[in-house]
N, C-alpha and C. Protein backbone atom coordinates (compact mmCIF):
# COMPACT_ATOMS: atom_id res chain seq x y z
N MET A 1 -45.21 -16.28 -37.37
CA MET A 1 -45.09 -14.74 -37.37
C MET A 1 -45.50 -14.37 -39.00
N ASP A 2 -46.61 -13.64 -39.17
CA ASP A 2 -47.23 -13.10 -40.03
C ASP A 2 -46.54 -12.19 -40.93
N PHE A 3 -46.75 -11.84 -41.97
CA PHE A 3 -45.74 -11.19 -43.07
C PHE A 3 -45.78 -9.07 -41.99
N PHE A 4 -46.63 -8.89 -41.87
CA PHE A 4 -46.91 -7.52 -41.05
C PHE A 4 -45.30 -7.69 -39.89
N GLU A 5 -45.77 -9.02 -38.66
CA GLU A 5 -45.58 -8.96 -37.75
C GLU A 5 -43.41 -9.04 -38.26
N GLU A 6 -43.15 -9.80 -39.26
CA GLU A 6 -41.66 -9.82 -39.50
C GLU A 6 -41.05 -8.42 -40.32
N VAL A 7 -42.12 -7.79 -41.23
CA VAL A 7 -41.72 -6.19 -41.38
C VAL A 7 -41.46 -5.50 -39.95
N LYS A 8 -42.25 -5.15 -39.21
CA LYS A 8 -42.07 -4.87 -38.20
C LYS A 8 -40.89 -5.27 -37.09
N SER A 9 -40.48 -6.46 -37.49
CA SER A 9 -39.44 -6.85 -36.40
C SER A 9 -38.08 -6.51 -37.00
N GLN A 10 -38.26 -6.10 -38.22
CA GLN A 10 -36.81 -5.37 -38.80
C GLN A 10 -36.58 -4.28 -38.86
N GLY A 11 -37.48 -3.66 -38.02
CA GLY A 11 -37.58 -2.07 -37.99
C GLY A 11 -38.33 -1.42 -38.96
N SER A 12 -39.22 -1.74 -39.63
CA SER A 12 -39.64 -0.83 -40.81
C SER A 12 -41.21 -1.07 -40.47
N GLU A 13 -41.84 0.03 -41.21
CA GLU A 13 -43.42 0.42 -40.76
C GLU A 13 -44.30 -0.30 -41.92
N VAL A 14 -45.27 -0.74 -41.50
CA VAL A 14 -46.28 -1.58 -41.94
C VAL A 14 -47.90 -0.63 -41.76
N HIS A 15 -48.07 -0.25 -43.42
CA HIS A 15 -49.60 0.35 -43.44
C HIS A 15 -50.07 -0.47 -44.36
N LEU A 16 -51.73 -0.77 -43.96
CA LEU A 16 -52.38 -1.50 -44.46
C LEU A 16 -53.52 -0.62 -45.04
N PHE A 17 -53.81 -0.67 -46.54
CA PHE A 17 -54.86 0.11 -46.97
C PHE A 17 -55.83 -0.68 -47.68
N VAL A 18 -57.43 -0.38 -47.44
CA VAL A 18 -58.17 -1.10 -48.20
C VAL A 18 -58.68 -0.21 -49.57
N VAL A 19 -59.09 -1.20 -50.75
CA VAL A 19 -58.84 -0.24 -51.92
C VAL A 19 -60.23 -1.33 -52.53
N LYS A 20 -60.68 -0.77 -53.40
CA LYS A 20 -61.90 -1.30 -54.28
C LYS A 20 -60.82 -1.74 -55.63
N ALA A 21 -61.64 -2.87 -55.87
CA ALA A 21 -60.92 -3.43 -57.17
C ALA A 21 -61.20 -2.56 -58.29
N LEU A 22 -60.35 -2.88 -58.90
CA LEU A 22 -60.45 -1.86 -60.65
C LEU A 22 -60.75 -3.05 -61.53
N SER A 23 -61.78 -2.10 -62.39
CA SER A 23 -62.35 -2.73 -63.52
C SER A 23 -61.16 -3.21 -64.69
N LYS A 24 -61.38 -4.15 -65.42
CA LYS A 24 -60.52 -4.55 -66.39
C LYS A 24 -60.10 -3.29 -67.56
N GLY A 25 -60.82 -2.37 -67.62
CA GLY A 25 -60.64 -0.96 -68.26
C GLY A 25 -59.90 -0.15 -67.59
N GLU A 26 -59.94 -0.17 -66.24
CA GLU A 26 -59.22 0.76 -65.17
C GLU A 26 -57.57 -0.35 -65.06
N VAL A 27 -57.53 -1.32 -65.06
CA VAL A 27 -56.40 -1.94 -65.12
C VAL A 27 -55.30 -1.72 -66.30
N GLU A 28 -56.22 -2.09 -67.08
CA GLU A 28 -55.44 -1.98 -68.82
C GLU A 28 -55.17 -0.47 -68.91
N ASN A 29 -55.57 0.65 -68.31
CA ASN A 29 -55.20 2.10 -68.72
C ASN A 29 -54.42 2.21 -67.40
N LEU A 30 -54.03 1.67 -66.37
CA LEU A 30 -53.14 1.84 -65.55
C LEU A 30 -51.64 1.34 -66.02
N ILE A 31 -51.98 -0.09 -66.63
CA ILE A 31 -50.54 -1.22 -67.13
C ILE A 31 -50.23 0.11 -68.11
N GLU A 32 -51.02 0.63 -69.20
CA GLU A 32 -50.76 1.49 -70.49
C GLU A 32 -49.94 2.73 -69.76
N LEU A 33 -50.48 3.52 -68.68
CA LEU A 33 -49.70 4.44 -68.06
C LEU A 33 -48.37 4.17 -67.95
N PHE A 34 -48.18 3.20 -67.07
CA PHE A 34 -46.90 2.85 -66.57
C PHE A 34 -46.28 2.31 -67.59
N ASN A 35 -46.43 1.53 -68.77
CA ASN A 35 -45.42 1.35 -69.54
C ASN A 35 -45.22 2.53 -70.56
N ASP A 36 -45.95 3.85 -70.77
CA ASP A 36 -45.43 4.83 -71.35
C ASP A 36 -44.49 5.59 -70.57
N GLN A 37 -44.40 5.39 -69.12
CA GLN A 37 -43.41 6.19 -68.43
C GLN A 37 -42.58 5.40 -68.72
N ARG A 38 -42.62 3.90 -68.37
CA ARG A 38 -41.10 2.89 -68.21
C ARG A 38 -40.56 3.44 -69.67
N ASN A 39 -41.03 3.31 -70.70
CA ASN A 39 -40.53 3.58 -72.14
C ASN A 39 -39.82 4.87 -72.19
N LYS A 40 -40.48 5.97 -71.68
CA LYS A 40 -40.06 7.38 -71.73
C LYS A 40 -38.24 7.02 -70.82
N GLU A 41 -38.26 6.75 -69.45
CA GLU A 41 -37.40 6.14 -69.00
C GLU A 41 -36.05 5.41 -69.47
N TYR A 42 -36.84 4.56 -70.39
CA TYR A 42 -35.58 3.80 -71.20
C TYR A 42 -34.94 4.50 -72.36
N GLU A 43 -35.92 5.48 -72.60
CA GLU A 43 -35.41 6.09 -73.89
C GLU A 43 -34.50 7.37 -73.26
N GLU A 44 -34.62 7.87 -72.12
CA GLU A 44 -33.38 8.59 -71.30
C GLU A 44 -32.24 7.72 -71.33
N LEU A 45 -32.48 6.66 -70.76
CA LEU A 45 -31.33 5.65 -70.18
C LEU A 45 -30.53 5.45 -71.64
N ILE A 46 -30.96 5.08 -72.85
CA ILE A 46 -30.32 4.91 -73.71
C ILE A 46 -29.91 5.96 -74.33
N GLU A 47 -30.26 6.55 -74.37
CA GLU A 47 -29.58 8.13 -74.77
C GLU A 47 -28.58 8.64 -73.68
N LYS A 48 -28.24 8.43 -72.70
CA LYS A 48 -27.38 8.71 -71.85
C LYS A 48 -26.52 7.86 -71.90
N CYS A 49 -26.64 6.24 -72.16
CA CYS A 49 -25.58 5.11 -72.85
C CYS A 49 -24.98 5.85 -74.29
N ASN A 50 -25.87 6.14 -75.18
CA ASN A 50 -25.53 6.62 -76.01
C ASN A 50 -24.07 7.95 -76.04
N ASP A 51 -24.62 8.50 -75.39
CA ASP A 51 -23.57 9.81 -75.17
C ASP A 51 -22.18 9.35 -74.30
N PHE A 52 -22.70 8.40 -73.42
CA PHE A 52 -21.23 8.03 -72.80
C PHE A 52 -20.26 7.21 -74.09
N LEU A 53 -21.05 6.46 -74.77
CA LEU A 53 -20.26 5.81 -75.68
C LEU A 53 -19.53 6.48 -76.37
N LYS A 54 -20.21 7.54 -77.21
CA LYS A 54 -19.71 8.73 -78.16
C LYS A 54 -18.41 9.18 -77.36
N LYS A 55 -18.71 9.71 -76.23
CA LYS A 55 -17.93 10.38 -75.60
C LYS A 55 -16.21 9.24 -75.26
N SER A 56 -16.96 7.81 -75.32
CA SER A 56 -15.77 7.02 -74.78
C SER A 56 -15.04 6.93 -76.17
N LYS A 57 -15.55 6.91 -77.14
CA LYS A 57 -15.26 6.84 -78.49
C LYS A 57 -14.37 8.16 -78.69
N GLU A 58 -14.60 9.00 -78.54
CA GLU A 58 -13.88 10.22 -78.68
C GLU A 58 -12.55 10.32 -77.92
N LYS A 59 -12.50 9.79 -76.39
CA LYS A 59 -11.61 9.71 -75.79
C LYS A 59 -10.31 8.87 -76.38
N LEU A 60 -10.78 7.27 -76.58
CA LEU A 60 -10.25 6.30 -77.07
C LEU A 60 -9.21 6.89 -78.51
N ASN A 61 -10.13 7.71 -79.38
CA ASN A 61 -9.11 8.40 -80.50
C ASN A 61 -8.40 9.14 -80.14
N GLU A 62 -8.77 9.98 -78.89
CA GLU A 62 -7.70 11.00 -78.60
C GLU A 62 -6.41 10.44 -78.25
N LYS A 63 -6.70 9.30 -77.46
CA LYS A 63 -5.32 9.02 -76.36
C LYS A 63 -4.98 7.55 -77.03
N ILE A 64 -5.76 6.76 -77.65
CA ILE A 64 -5.14 5.34 -77.96
C ILE A 64 -4.65 5.43 -79.59
N LEU A 65 -5.11 6.34 -80.25
CA LEU A 65 -4.98 6.17 -81.95
C LEU A 65 -3.85 6.96 -81.86
N PRO A 66 -3.49 7.67 -81.45
CA PRO A 66 -2.09 8.47 -81.60
C PRO A 66 -0.82 7.36 -81.21
N LEU A 67 -1.03 6.51 -80.12
CA LEU A 67 -0.07 5.69 -79.25
C LEU A 67 0.10 4.33 -80.85
N LEU A 68 -1.10 4.06 -81.59
CA LEU A 68 -1.12 3.22 -82.61
C LEU A 68 -0.47 3.60 -83.44
N ASN A 69 -0.22 4.83 -83.67
CA ASN A 69 0.06 5.44 -84.98
C ASN A 69 1.71 5.51 -84.79
N LEU A 70 1.99 5.96 -83.50
CA LEU A 70 3.57 5.96 -83.25
C LEU A 70 3.71 4.48 -83.50
N ARG A 71 3.56 3.50 -83.25
CA ARG A 71 4.23 1.87 -82.98
C ARG A 71 4.46 1.69 -84.21
N ARG A 72 3.35 2.23 -85.39
CA ARG A 72 3.41 1.92 -86.93
C ARG A 72 4.18 2.56 -87.30
N THR A 73 4.56 4.13 -87.19
CA THR A 73 5.99 5.11 -87.16
C THR A 73 7.06 4.21 -87.22
N LYS A 74 6.76 3.41 -86.51
CA LYS A 74 8.57 2.98 -85.65
C LYS A 74 8.95 1.36 -85.80
N ARG A 75 7.81 1.10 -86.69
CA ARG A 75 8.10 -0.39 -87.09
C ARG A 75 8.44 0.30 -89.08
N ASN A 76 8.13 1.22 -89.41
CA ASN A 76 8.59 1.39 -90.99
C ASN A 76 9.55 2.31 -91.11
């Protein structure tokens, strides 16, 4: 069974496109565009992670630190 038949047997569609080969410069440009877009997405992900960590730290300070202070007060 070839690749196309295998894909079809799993309920998917297969489309074959004929394209011209890209020149080295076109390939390099395509890679650069892809990397630029990927870097923007990573920057957005990092920003969201930093926001999550900041909010988590705030929650920790609101909920856990008062309990720790209470325990210290009880010991003294």
